[in-house]
PDB file of N, CA and C in Angstrom:
ATOM      1  N   MET A   1    -203.236 -21.613-104.534  1.00  0.00           N
ATOM      2  CA  MET A   1    -202.227 -21.885-105.481  1.00  0.00           C
ATOM      3  C   MET A   1    -201.085 -20.928-105.416  1.00  0.00           C
ATOM      4  N   PHE A   2    -201.390 -19.719-105.068  1.00  0.00           N
ATOM      5  CA  PHE A   2    -200.405 -18.646-104.836  1.00  0.00           C
ATOM      6  C   PHE A   2    -200.000 -18.659-103.376  1.00  0.00           C
ATOM      7  N   PRO A   3    -198.750 -18.232-103.191  1.00  0.00           N
ATOM      8  CA  PRO A   3    -198.277 -18.188-101.798  1.00  0.00           C
ATOM      9  C   PRO A   3    -198.937 -17.093-100.961  1.00  0.00           C
ATOM     10  N   ALA A   4    -198.931 -17.199 -99.679  1.00  0.00           N
ATOM     11  CA  ALA A   4    -199.601 -16.103 -98.878  1.00  0.00           C
ATOM     12  C   ALA A   4    -198.944 -14.911 -98.955  1.00  0.00           C
ATOM     13  N   SER A   5    -197.708 -14.752 -99.301  1.00  0.00           N
ATOM     14  CA  SER A   5    -196.810 -13.569 -99.260  1.00  0.00           C
ATOM     15  C   SER A   5    -196.887 -12.889-100.629  1.00  0.00           C
ATOM     16  N   SER A   6    -197.932 -13.316-101.593  1.00  0.00           N
ATOM     17  CA  SER A   6    -197.960 -12.671-102.860  1.00  0.00           C
ATOM     18  C   SER A   6    -198.335 -11.164-102.814  1.00  0.00           C
ATOM     19  N   GLY A   7    -199.186 -10.800-101.788  1.00  0.00           N
ATOM     20  CA  GLY A   7    -199.471  -9.454-101.565  1.00  0.00           C
ATOM     21  C   GLY A   7    -198.363  -8.530-101.286  1.00  0.00           C
ATOM     22  N   SER A   8    -197.471  -9.067-100.341  1.00  0.00           N
ATOM     23  CA  SER A   8    -196.375  -8.310 -99.912  1.00  0.00           C
ATOM     24  C   SER A   8    -195.365  -8.270-101.018  1.00  0.00           C
ATOM     25  N   LYS A   9    -195.421  -9.270-101.871  1.00  0.00           N
ATOM     26  CA  LYS A   9    -194.445  -9.194-103.000  1.00  0.00           C
ATOM     27  C   LYS A   9    -194.854  -8.161-103.950  1.00  0.00           C
ATOM     28  N   LYS A  10    -196.134  -8.086-104.195  1.00  0.00           N
ATOM     29  CA  LYS A  10    -196.690  -7.015-105.090  1.00  0.00           C
ATOM     30  C   LYS A  10    -196.357  -5.599-104.567  1.00  0.00           C
ATOM     31  N   GLY A  11    -196.459  -5.406-103.207  1.00  0.00           N
ATOM     32  CA  GLY A  11    -196.159  -4.165-102.667  1.00  0.00           C
ATOM     33  C   GLY A  11    -194.663  -3.871-102.811  1.00  0.00           C
ATOM     34  N   PHE A  12    -193.827  -4.895-102.588  1.00  0.00           N
ATOM     35  CA  PHE A  12    -192.367  -4.659-102.785  1.00  0.00           C
ATOM     36  C   PHE A  12    -192.086  -4.306-104.206  1.00  0.00           C
ATOM     37  N   LEU A  13    -192.738  -5.018-105.121  1.00  0.00           N
ATOM     38  CA  LEU A  13    -192.475  -4.656-106.558  1.00  0.00           C
ATOM     39  C   LEU A  13    -192.807  -3.255-106.949  1.00  0.00           C
ATOM     40  N   SER A  14    -193.990  -2.744-106.305  1.00  0.00           N
ATOM     41  CA  SER A  14    -194.417  -1.503-106.632  1.00  0.00           C
ATOM     42  C   SER A  14    -193.471  -0.374-106.059  1.00  0.00           C
ATOM     43  N   VAL A  15    -192.816  -0.684-104.870  1.00  0.00           N
ATOM     44  CA  VAL A  15    -191.875   0.203-104.230  1.00  0.00           C
ATOM     45  C   VAL A  15    -190.677   0.252-105.161  1.00  0.00           C
ATOM     46  N   ILE A  16    -190.232  -0.896-105.670  1.00  0.00           N
ATOM     47  CA  ILE A  16    -189.091  -0.915-106.590  1.00  0.00           C
ATOM     48  C   ILE A  16    -189.359  -0.166-107.817  1.00  0.00           C
ATOM     49  N   PHE A  17    -190.596  -0.322-108.353  1.00  0.00           N
ATOM     50  CA  PHE A  17    -190.920   0.371-109.588  1.00  0.00           C
ATOM     51  C   PHE A  17    -190.934   1.962-109.299  1.00  0.00           C
ATOM     52  N   CYS A  18    -191.495   2.360-108.241  1.00  0.00           N
ATOM     53  CA  CYS A  18    -191.449   3.822-107.889  1.00  0.00           C
ATOM     54  C   CYS A  18    -190.091   4.318-107.741  1.00  0.00           C
ATOM     55  N   ARG A  19    -189.277   3.535-107.048  1.00  0.00           N
ATOM     56  CA  ARG A  19    -187.840   3.838-106.877  1.00  0.00           C
ATOM     57  C   ARG A  19    -187.155   4.088-108.199  1.00  0.00           C
ATOM     58  N   ASP A  20    -187.351   3.054-109.063  1.00  0.00           N
ATOM     59  CA  ASP A  20    -186.699   3.119-110.383  1.00  0.00           C
ATOM     60  C   ASP A  20    -187.242   4.243-111.360  1.00  0.00           C
ATOM     61  N   PHE A  21    -188.577   4.525-111.133  1.00  0.00           N
ATOM     62  CA  PHE A  21    -189.061   5.663-111.932  1.00  0.00           C
ATOM     63  C   PHE A  21    -188.485   6.970-111.406  1.00  0.00           C
ATOM     64  N   LEU A  22    -188.265   7.165-110.144  1.00  0.00           N
ATOM     65  CA  LEU A  22    -187.642   8.308-109.583  1.00  0.00           C
ATOM     66  C   LEU A  22    -186.159   8.460-110.135  1.00  0.00           C
ATOM     67  N   ILE A  23    -185.399   7.280-110.091  1.00  0.00           N
ATOM     68  CA  ILE A  23    -184.116   7.288-110.558  1.00  0.00           C
ATOM     69  C   ILE A  23    -183.982   7.633-112.000  1.00  0.00           C
ATOM     70  N   PHE A  24    -184.976   7.119-112.819  1.00  0.00           N
ATOM     71  CA  PHE A  24    -185.147   7.390-114.229  1.00  0.00           C
ATOM     72  C   PHE A  24    -185.280   8.906-114.435  1.00  0.00           C
ATOM     73  N   LEU A  25    -186.152   9.602-113.637  1.00  0.00           N
ATOM     74  CA  LEU A  25    -186.271  11.053-113.674  1.00  0.00           C
ATOM     75  C   LEU A  25    -185.038  11.789-113.302  1.00  0.00           C
ATOM     76  N   PHE A  26    -184.319  11.308-112.247  1.00  0.00           N
ATOM     77  CA  PHE A  26    -183.039  11.867-111.838  1.00  0.00           C
ATOM     78  C   PHE A  26    -181.997  11.802-112.986  1.00  0.00           C
ATOM     79  N   ILE A  27    -181.947  10.636-113.694  1.00  0.00           N
ATOM     80  CA  ILE A  27    -180.940  10.508-114.668  1.00  0.00           C
ATOM     81  C   ILE A  27    -181.216  11.399-115.833  1.00  0.00           C
ATOM     82  N   ASN A  28    -182.570  11.567-116.251  1.00  0.00           N
ATOM     83  CA  ASN A  28    -182.787  12.359-117.417  1.00  0.00           C
ATOM     84  C   ASN A  28    -182.917  13.880-117.191  1.00  0.00           C
ATOM     85  N   TYR A  29    -183.481  14.310-115.975  1.00  0.00           N
ATOM     86  CA  TYR A  29    -183.811  15.635-115.774  1.00  0.00           C
ATOM     87  C   TYR A  29    -182.994  16.347-114.756  1.00  0.00           C
ATOM     88  N   PHE A  30    -182.381  15.564-113.781  1.00  0.00           N
ATOM     89  CA  PHE A  30    -181.612  16.126-112.766  1.00  0.00           C
ATOM     90  C   PHE A  30    -180.373  15.344-112.623  1.00  0.00           C
ATOM     91  N   PRO A  31    -179.485  15.419-113.470  1.00  0.00           N
ATOM     92  CA  PRO A  31    -178.267  14.582-113.468  1.00  0.00           C
ATOM     93  C   PRO A  31    -177.263  14.838-112.390  1.00  0.00           C
ATOM     94  N   ASN A  32    -177.163  16.082-112.030  1.00  0.00           N
ATOM     95  CA  ASN A  32    -176.247  16.458-110.881  1.00  0.00           C
ATOM     96  C   ASN A  32    -176.880  15.904-109.519  1.00  0.00           C
ATOM     97  N   LEU A  33    -178.069  16.017-109.430  1.00  0.00           N
ATOM     98  CA  LEU A  33    -178.801  15.558-108.152  1.00  0.00           C
ATOM     99  C   LEU A  33    -178.704  14.054-108.120  1.00  0.00           C
ATOM    100  N   PHE A  34    -178.873  13.385-109.294  1.00  0.00           N
ATOM    101  CA  PHE A  34    -178.849  11.916-109.310  1.00  0.00           C
ATOM    102  C   PHE A  34    -177.411  11.414-108.980  1.00  0.00           C
ATOM    103  N   LEU A  35    -176.413  12.168-109.501  1.00  0.00           N
ATOM    104  CA  LEU A  35    -175.029  11.782-109.177  1.00  0.00           C
ATOM    105  C   LEU A  35    -174.767  12.002-107.592  1.00  0.00           C
ATOM    106  N   PHE A  36    -175.144  12.966-107.115  1.00  0.00           N
ATOM    107  CA  PHE A  36    -175.031  13.221-105.638  1.00  0.00           C
ATOM    108  C   PHE A  36    -175.636  12.086-104.817  1.00  0.00           C
ATOM    109  N   PHE A  37    -176.916  11.885-105.086  1.00  0.00           N
ATOM    110  CA  PHE A  37    -177.657  10.820-104.341  1.00  0.00           C
ATOM    111  C   PHE A  37    -176.962   9.386-104.628  1.00  0.00           C
ATOM    112  N   HIS A  38    -176.609   9.222-105.861  1.00  0.00           N
ATOM    113  CA  HIS A  38    -176.009   7.978-106.152  1.00  0.00           C
ATOM    114  C   HIS A  38    -174.659   7.663-105.436  1.00  0.00           C
ATOM    115  N   LEU A  39    -173.849   8.673-105.459  1.00  0.00           N
ATOM    116  CA  LEU A  39    -172.610   8.529-104.799  1.00  0.00           C
ATOM    117  C   LEU A  39    -172.845   8.417-103.270  1.00  0.00           C
ATOM    118  N   PHE A  40    -173.713   9.215-102.761  1.00  0.00           N
ATOM    119  CA  PHE A  40    -173.973   9.190-101.339  1.00  0.00           C
ATOM    120  C   PHE A  40    -174.424   7.764-100.789  1.00  0.00           C
ATOM    121  N   SER A  41    -175.410   7.166-101.574  1.00  0.00           N
ATOM    122  CA  SER A  41    -175.951   5.955-101.279  1.00  0.00           C
ATOM    123  C   SER A  41    -174.833   4.772-101.394  1.00  0.00           C
ATOM    124  N   ILE A  42    -174.026   4.870-102.402  1.00  0.00           N
ATOM    125  CA  ILE A  42    -172.895   3.888-102.570  1.00  0.00           C
ATOM    126  C   ILE A  42    -171.938   3.959-101.444  1.00  0.00           C
ATOM    127  N   SER A  43    -171.579   5.188-101.111  1.00  0.00           N
ATOM    128  CA  SER A  43    -170.554   5.326-100.035  1.00  0.00           C
ATOM    129  C   SER A  43    -171.039   4.802 -98.698  1.00  0.00           C
ATOM    130  N   PHE A  44    -172.280   4.736 -98.389  1.00  0.00           N
ATOM    131  CA  PHE A  44    -172.768   4.193 -97.127  1.00  0.00           C
ATOM    132  C   PHE A  44    -173.397   2.788 -97.268  1.00  0.00           C
ATOM    133  N   SER A  45    -172.955   2.058 -98.311  1.00  0.00           N
ATOM    134  CA  SER A  45    -173.496   0.728 -98.538  1.00  0.00           C
ATOM    135  C   SER A  45    -172.292  -0.218 -98.775  1.00  0.00           C
ATOM    136  N   SER A  46    -172.603  -1.457 -98.543  1.00  0.00           N
ATOM    137  CA  SER A  46    -171.465  -2.454 -98.807  1.00  0.00           C
ATOM    138  C   SER A  46    -171.449  -2.744-100.305  1.00  0.00           C
ATOM    139  N   LEU A  47    -170.403  -3.485-100.683  1.00  0.00           N
ATOM    140  CA  LEU A  47    -170.170  -3.793-102.118  1.00  0.00           C
ATOM    141  C   LEU A  47    -171.356  -4.727-102.552  1.00  0.00           C
ATOM    142  N   PHE A  48    -171.805  -5.655-101.720  1.00  0.00           N
ATOM    143  CA  PHE A  48    -172.881  -6.548-102.156  1.00  0.00           C
ATOM    144  C   PHE A  48    -174.212  -5.886-102.322  1.00  0.00           C
ATOM    145  N   SER A  49    -174.510  -4.959-101.473  1.00  0.00           N
ATOM    146  CA  SER A  49    -175.840  -4.336-101.595  1.00  0.00           C
ATOM    147  C   SER A  49    -175.862  -3.362-102.851  1.00  0.00           C
ATOM    148  N   SER A  50    -174.632  -2.745-103.105  1.00  0.00           N
ATOM    149  CA  SER A  50    -174.695  -1.901-104.353  1.00  0.00           C
ATOM    150  C   SER A  50    -174.725  -2.850-105.582  1.00  0.00           C
ATOM    151  N   PHE A  51    -174.053  -4.026-105.521  1.00  0.00           N
ATOM    152  CA  PHE A  51    -174.211  -4.929-106.649  1.00  0.00           C
ATOM    153  C   PHE A  51    -175.673  -5.346-106.853  1.00  0.00           C
ATOM    154  N   PHE A  52    -176.362  -5.710-105.707  1.00  0.00           N
ATOM    155  CA  PHE A  52    -177.707  -6.177-105.851  1.00  0.00           C
ATOM    156  C   PHE A  52    -178.587  -5.025-106.266  1.00  0.00           C
ATOM    157  N   TYR A  53    -178.320  -3.780-105.876  1.00  0.00           N
ATOM    158  CA  TYR A  53    -179.115  -2.652-106.262  1.00  0.00           C
ATOM    159  C   TYR A  53    -179.043  -2.515-107.753  1.00  0.00           C
ATOM    160  N   PHE A  54    -177.876  -2.575-108.353  1.00  0.00           N
ATOM    161  CA  PHE A  54    -177.872  -2.399-109.829  1.00  0.00           C
ATOM    162  C   PHE A  54    -178.507  -3.536-110.663  1.00  0.00           C
ATOM    163  N   PHE A  55    -178.293  -4.745-110.178  1.00  0.00           N
ATOM    164  CA  PHE A  55    -178.839  -5.830-111.048  1.00  0.00           C
ATOM    165  C   PHE A  55    -180.284  -6.174-110.605  1.00  0.00           C
ATOM    166  N   SER A  56    -180.793  -5.556-109.694  1.00  0.00           N
ATOM    167  CA  SER A  56    -182.307  -5.687-109.388  1.00  0.00           C
ATOM    168  C   SER A  56    -183.044  -4.474-109.994  1.00  0.00           C
ATOM    169  N   ASN A  57    -182.350  -3.618-110.689  1.00  0.00           N
ATOM    170  CA  ASN A  57    -182.966  -2.465-111.168  1.00  0.00           C
ATOM    171  C   ASN A  57    -183.363  -2.756-112.705  1.00  0.00           C
ATOM    172  N   PRO A  58    -184.738  -2.665-112.935  1.00  0.00           N
ATOM    173  CA  PRO A  58    -185.111  -3.029-114.282  1.00  0.00           C
ATOM    174  C   PRO A  58    -184.581  -2.020-115.395  1.00  0.00           C
ATOM    175  N   PHE A  59    -184.512  -0.785-115.011  1.00  0.00           N
ATOM    176  CA  PHE A  59    -183.906   0.210-116.044  1.00  0.00           C
ATOM    177  C   PHE A  59    -182.492  -0.151-116.311  1.00  0.00           C
ATOM    178  N   PHE A  60    -181.698  -0.636-115.314  1.00  0.00           N
ATOM    179  CA  PHE A  60    -180.360  -1.014-115.650  1.00  0.00           C
ATOM    180  C   PHE A  60    -180.208  -2.259-116.474  1.00  0.00           C
ATOM    181  N   ILE A  61    -181.150  -3.184-116.275  1.00  0.00           N
ATOM    182  CA  ILE A  61    -181.113  -4.429-117.088  1.00  0.00           C
ATOM    183  C   ILE A  61    -181.526  -4.105-118.468  1.00  0.00           C
ATOM    184  N   LEU A  62    -182.617  -3.244-118.632  1.00  0.00           N
ATOM    185  CA  LEU A  62    -183.142  -2.987-119.984  1.00  0.00           C
ATOM    186  C   LEU A  62    -182.106  -2.044-120.698  1.00  0.00           C
ATOM    187  N   PHE A  63    -181.589  -1.042-120.013  1.00  0.00           N
ATOM    188  CA  PHE A  63    -180.684  -0.128-120.724  1.00  0.00           C
ATOM    189  C   PHE A  63    -179.367  -0.016-119.963  1.00  0.00           C
ATOM    190  N   PRO A  64    -178.489  -1.089-120.161  1.00  0.00           N
ATOM    191  CA  PRO A  64    -177.259  -1.080-119.308  1.00  0.00           C
ATOM    192  C   PRO A  64    -176.357  -0.024-119.864  1.00  0.00           C
ATOM    193  N   PHE A  65    -175.982   0.910-118.904  1.00  0.00           N
ATOM    194  CA  PHE A  65    -175.025   1.933-119.189  1.00  0.00           C
ATOM    195  C   PHE A  65    -175.484   2.884-120.267  1.00  0.00           C
ATOM    196  N   SER A  66    -176.743   3.024-120.528  1.00  0.00           N
ATOM    197  CA  SER A  66    -177.201   3.976-121.667  1.00  0.00           C
ATOM    198  C   SER A  66    -176.919   5.399-121.327  1.00  0.00           C
ATOM    199  N   ARG A  67    -177.236   5.805-120.026  1.00  0.00           N
ATOM    200  CA  ARG A  67    -177.131   7.192-119.646  1.00  0.00           C
ATOM    201  C   ARG A  67    -176.152   7.245-118.466  1.00  0.00           C
ATOM    202  N   LEU A  68    -175.889   6.214-117.741  1.00  0.00           N
ATOM    203  CA  LEU A  68    -175.061   6.270-116.487  1.00  0.00           C
ATOM    204  C   LEU A  68    -173.678   6.783-116.795  1.00  0.00           C
ATOM    205  N   HIS A  69    -173.122   6.504-117.952  1.00  0.00           N
ATOM    206  CA  HIS A  69    -171.785   6.887-118.149  1.00  0.00           C
ATOM    207  C   HIS A  69    -171.674   8.370-118.464  1.00  0.00           C
ATOM    208  N   THR A  70    -172.833   8.920-118.968  1.00  0.00           N
ATOM    209  CA  THR A  70    -172.739  10.421-119.276  1.00  0.00           C
ATOM    210  C   THR A  70    -172.960  11.269-118.145  1.00  0.00           C
ATOM    211  N   VAL A  71    -173.491  10.734-116.995  1.00  0.00           N
ATOM    212  CA  VAL A  71    -173.816  11.487-115.888  1.00  0.00           C
ATOM    213  C   VAL A  71    -172.471  12.164-115.264  1.00  0.00           C
ATOM    214  N   PRO A  72    -171.454  11.379-114.957  1.00  0.00           N
ATOM    215  CA  PRO A  72    -170.252  11.962-114.486  1.00  0.00           C
ATOM    216  C   PRO A  72    -169.542  12.887-115.392  1.00  0.00           C
ATOM    217  N   GLU A  73    -169.648  12.632-116.672  1.00  0.00           N
ATOM    218  CA  GLU A  73    -169.065  13.563-117.691  1.00  0.00           C
ATOM    219  C   GLU A  73    -169.813  14.921-117.664  1.00  0.00           C
ATOM    220  N   MET A  74    -171.102  14.865-117.584  1.00  0.00           N
ATOM    221  CA  MET A  74    -171.864  16.163-117.582  1.00  0.00           C
ATOM    222  C   MET A  74    -171.614  16.860-116.297  1.00  0.00           C
ATOM    223  N   TYR A  75    -171.400  16.149-115.270  1.00  0.00           N
ATOM    224  CA  TYR A  75    -171.083  16.753-113.919  1.00  0.00           C
ATOM    225  C   TYR A  75    -169.810  17.465-113.920  1.00  0.00           C
ATOM    226  N   PHE A  76    -168.751  16.759-114.379  1.00  0.00           N
ATOM    227  CA  PHE A  76    -167.390  17.390-114.434  1.00  0.00           C
ATOM    228  C   PHE A  76    -167.213  18.361-115.434  1.00  0.00           C
ATOM    229  N   ASN A  77    -167.880  18.252-116.585  1.00  0.00           N
ATOM    230  CA  ASN A  77    -167.845  19.459-117.598  1.00  0.00           C
ATOM    231  C   ASN A  77    -168.379  20.705-116.986  1.00  0.00           C
ATOM    232  N   GLN A  78    -169.458  20.632-116.139  1.00  0.00           N
ATOM    233  CA  GLN A  78    -169.975  21.789-115.568  1.00  0.00           C
ATOM    234  C   GLN A  78    -169.031  22.406-114.466  1.00  0.00           C
ATOM    235  N   LEU A  79    -168.263  21.620-113.888  1.00  0.00           N
ATOM    236  CA  LEU A  79    -167.248  22.071-112.941  1.00  0.00           C
ATOM    237  C   LEU A  79    -166.055  22.895-113.553  1.00  0.00           C
ATOM    238  N   GLN A  80    -165.778  22.553-114.866  1.00  0.00           N
ATOM    239  CA  GLN A  80    -164.622  23.239-115.394  1.00  0.00           C
ATOM    240  C   GLN A  80    -164.964  24.550-115.914  1.00  0.00           C
TER     241      GLN A  80
END
């Protein structure tokens, strides 16, 4: 009844969950480090892949722009 690729799909979803959990930790506890990795990953990716990254992210879907807009503000406030 289930396709043969269901195991690989579960592994892929667990990788996405681990990635999103690490991103959640970066946003809440290491905002400068999150901003660095975030800008670094976007600068070396195409527009489509960054678009797919945001909208495949469960934290982004559940909490859209809840903390993301505060990360650059916190970063630039520390520079001043």
